[in-house]
Amino acid sequence: SRRATSASPRAPAPANLALQLASIWCDQGRWEESDRLARRVLEELGPRGSDHSLVARAHNVLGLTAMERGQYEDALKHSTLVAQTIDSKSDPARWAAMLRVKGSTLTHQGEDLAAAETALLEACDISERRGHVAALASTLVDLSNIYDLQSRWHDHERVVTRAHEIYLELGAPLALAI
């Protein structure tokens, strides 16, 4: 068999793989790369992207990176765009992710902890019903931050303990260390 001698241009990754990579990069703190990839997916899908789940995933990634950078208004804008794209029944996993971004952003802002708690509790409920235990554990950790800020030590200990138990079951050493 004959091998190609010239480098062929690499085709862009399918949108679902690109968004998975963008999520991983976001978790690694590679926010510029994550944003670029999520924005590329949105451009490829067009202004009225037919795959609402992919549009929602891209906005969730962009919202999370905005939150991590302290760009809270942008993070909340992306959460609103997700809520306008899907609903909790049509795509519960993306809805829960949006609620997590929204709740965590509101927590970081420190202005409306009641709304943050409501969003994160709903995200926990959805994740638990769907069996998404890793998402549930991460959201419980986010919820513990609210309880910590409010000096609600019993609630804080309860959710942190539950998250820890889930991480033990999953064998997630990094999450346990954090």
Protein backbone atom coordinates (compact mmCIF):
# COMPACT_ATOMS: atom_id res chain seq x y z
CA SER A 1 0.00 0.00 0.00
CA ARG A 2 1.11 3.47 -0.75
CA ARG A 3 1.19 6.18 1.90
CA ALA A 4 0.29 9.78 1.22
CA THR A 5 3.37 11.94 1.24
CA SER A 6 1.71 15.28 1.61
CA ALA A 7 -0.08 16.32 4.72
CA SER A 8 -3.77 16.56 4.06
CA PRO A 9 -5.77 19.20 5.89
CA ARG A 10 -7.52 17.75 8.89
CA ALA A 11 -11.28 17.82 8.80
CA PRO A 12 -12.88 19.55 11.75
CA ALA A 13 -14.15 17.25 14.46
CA PRO A 14 -17.87 16.52 14.48
CA ALA A 15 -19.76 18.95 16.71
CA ASN A 16 -20.43 16.46 19.50
CA LEU A 17 -16.74 15.52 19.73
CA ALA A 18 -15.66 19.15 19.49
CA LEU A 19 -17.95 20.06 22.39
CA GLN A 20 -16.68 17.15 24.46
CA LEU A 21 -13.13 18.39 23.89
CA ALA A 22 -14.22 21.97 24.69
CA SER A 23 -15.66 20.72 27.99
CA ILE A 24 -12.44 18.90 28.84
CA TRP A 25 -10.38 21.97 28.00
CA CYS A 26 -12.67 24.09 30.16
CA ASP A 27 -12.14 21.69 33.08
CA GLN A 28 -8.38 21.99 32.50
CA GLY A 29 -8.53 25.79 32.57
CA ARG A 30 -7.82 26.10 28.86
CA TRP A 31 -10.62 28.63 28.46
CA GLU A 32 -9.44 30.36 25.28
CA GLU A 33 -9.24 27.07 23.40
CA SER A 34 -12.52 25.89 24.88
CA ASP A 35 -14.30 29.09 23.86
CA ARG A 36 -12.85 29.00 20.35
CA LEU A 37 -14.04 25.44 19.80
CA ALA A 38 -17.55 26.04 21.23
CA ARG A 39 -17.92 29.19 19.12
CA ARG A 40 -16.79 27.28 16.02
CA VAL A 41 -19.52 24.72 16.64
CA LEU A 42 -22.13 27.48 16.97
CA GLU A 43 -20.93 29.04 13.70
CA GLU A 44 -21.10 25.70 11.92
CA LEU A 45 -24.61 25.06 13.20
CA GLY A 46 -25.72 28.47 11.97
CA PRO A 47 -27.95 31.06 13.62
CA ARG A 48 -30.89 28.66 13.83
CA GLY A 49 -28.97 25.49 14.62
CA SER A 50 -31.25 22.55 14.01
CA ASP A 51 -29.64 20.40 16.69
CA HIS A 52 -30.87 22.20 19.78
CA SER A 53 -28.94 19.90 22.10
CA LEU A 54 -25.63 20.84 20.46
CA VAL A 55 -26.50 24.54 20.59
CA ALA A 56 -27.33 24.19 24.29
CA ARG A 57 -24.09 22.29 24.96
CA ALA A 58 -22.05 24.99 23.24
CA HIS A 59 -23.72 27.74 25.26
CA ASN A 60 -23.21 25.76 28.47
CA VAL A 61 -19.49 25.52 27.72
CA LEU A 62 -19.31 29.23 26.92
CA GLY A 63 -21.26 30.05 30.09
CA LEU A 64 -18.94 27.96 32.22
CA THR A 65 -15.79 29.55 30.81
CA ALA A 66 -17.30 33.02 31.25
CA MET A 67 -18.10 32.19 34.87
CA GLU A 68 -14.59 30.87 35.49
CA ARG A 69 -13.19 34.14 34.13
CA GLY A 70 -15.47 36.21 36.35
CA GLN A 71 -17.55 37.40 33.38
CA TYR A 72 -20.79 36.79 35.23
CA GLU A 73 -23.13 38.71 32.94
CA ASP A 74 -21.87 36.72 29.95
CA ALA A 75 -22.29 33.47 31.88
CA LEU A 76 -25.89 34.34 32.73
CA LYS A 77 -26.50 35.41 29.11
CA HIS A 78 -25.41 31.96 27.92
CA SER A 79 -27.67 30.32 30.53
CA THR A 80 -30.58 32.36 29.19
CA LEU A 81 -29.72 31.27 25.62
CA VAL A 82 -29.78 27.63 26.73
CA ALA A 83 -33.18 28.14 28.37
CA GLN A 84 -34.46 29.69 25.12
CA THR A 85 -33.11 26.77 23.07
CA ILE A 86 -34.32 23.75 25.05
CA ASP A 87 -36.54 22.90 27.97
CA SER A 88 -36.12 20.61 30.94
CA LYS A 89 -38.21 17.84 29.41
CA SER A 90 -36.67 17.80 25.93
CA ASP A 91 -33.05 17.70 27.12
CA PRO A 92 -32.74 17.23 30.89
CA ALA A 93 -28.96 16.76 30.91
CA ARG A 94 -28.33 20.08 29.14
CA TRP A 95 -30.97 21.75 31.30
CA ALA A 96 -29.23 20.53 34.46
CA ALA A 97 -25.88 21.79 33.10
CA MET A 98 -27.45 25.19 32.42
CA LEU A 99 -28.86 25.32 35.95
CA ARG A 100 -25.43 24.47 37.33
CA VAL A 101 -23.79 27.30 35.37
CA LYS A 102 -26.55 29.68 36.44
CA GLY A 103 -26.46 28.64 40.10
CA SER A 104 -22.68 28.72 40.32
CA THR A 105 -22.56 32.11 38.63
CA LEU A 106 -25.13 33.54 41.03
CA THR A 107 -23.11 32.09 43.92
CA HIS A 108 -19.94 33.76 42.66
CA GLN A 109 -21.79 37.04 42.30
CA GLY A 110 -23.04 36.66 45.87
CA GLU A 111 -26.13 38.72 45.11
CA ASP A 112 -28.94 36.14 44.98
CA LEU A 113 -27.96 33.04 46.92
CA ALA A 114 -31.60 31.93 47.20
CA ALA A 115 -31.92 31.81 43.38
CA ALA A 116 -28.52 30.09 43.18
CA GLU A 117 -29.62 27.44 45.67
CA THR A 118 -32.91 26.88 43.80
CA ALA A 119 -31.06 26.40 40.49
CA LEU A 120 -28.51 24.02 41.97
CA LEU A 121 -31.13 21.99 43.85
CA GLU A 122 -33.08 21.55 40.61
CA ALA A 123 -29.88 20.52 38.81
CA CYS A 124 -29.21 17.97 41.56
CA ASP A 125 -32.75 16.57 41.24
CA ILE A 126 -32.45 16.20 37.48
CA SER A 127 -28.99 14.61 37.69
CA GLU A 128 -30.14 12.18 40.35
CA ARG A 129 -33.30 11.17 38.44
CA ARG A 130 -31.28 10.65 35.27
CA GLY A 131 -28.57 8.65 37.05
CA HIS A 132 -25.85 11.17 36.18
CA VAL A 133 -23.92 10.64 39.40
CA ALA A 134 -20.75 12.50 38.40
CA ALA A 135 -22.80 15.59 37.51
CA LEU A 136 -24.72 15.19 40.76
CA ALA A 137 -21.52 15.08 42.82
CA SER A 138 -20.09 18.16 41.13
CA THR A 139 -23.33 20.07 41.61
CA LEU A 140 -23.44 19.06 45.28
CA VAL A 141 -19.99 20.59 45.71
CA ASP A 142 -21.27 23.80 44.09
CA LEU A 143 -24.27 23.74 46.43
CA SER A 144 -21.96 23.34 49.42
CA ASN A 145 -20.38 26.69 48.52
CA ILE A 146 -23.72 28.41 49.03
CA TYR A 147 -24.18 26.75 52.40
CA ASP A 148 -20.66 27.72 53.37
CA LEU A 149 -21.31 31.36 52.47
CA GLN A 150 -24.49 31.31 54.55
CA SER A 151 -22.84 29.54 57.51
CA ARG A 152 -25.31 26.68 57.13
CA TRP A 153 -22.81 24.14 58.43
CA HIS A 154 -25.20 21.20 58.78
CA ASP A 155 -26.38 21.55 55.17
CA HIS A 156 -22.79 22.09 54.02
CA GLU A 157 -21.57 18.93 55.75
CA ARG A 158 -24.52 16.90 54.45
CA VAL A 159 -23.98 17.75 50.77
CA VAL A 160 -20.18 17.54 50.93
CA THR A 161 -20.44 14.11 52.55
CA ARG A 162 -22.82 12.92 49.86
CA ALA A 163 -20.55 14.25 47.10
CA HIS A 164 -17.59 12.53 48.75
CA GLU A 165 -19.47 9.22 48.87
CA ILE A 166 -20.30 9.50 45.17
CA TYR A 167 -16.70 10.32 44.28
CA LEU A 168 -15.55 7.28 46.28
CA GLU A 169 -17.95 5.06 44.33
CA LEU A 170 -16.76 6.54 41.05
CA GLY A 171 -13.12 6.24 42.01
CA ALA A 172 -12.49 9.88 41.18
CA PRO A 173 -9.21 10.67 43.00
CA LEU A 174 -8.86 14.22 41.66
CA ALA A 175 -12.38 15.18 42.77
CA LEU A 176 -11.72 13.62 46.18
CA ALA A 177 -8.46 15.52 46.55
CA ILE A 178 -10.14 18.81 45.72
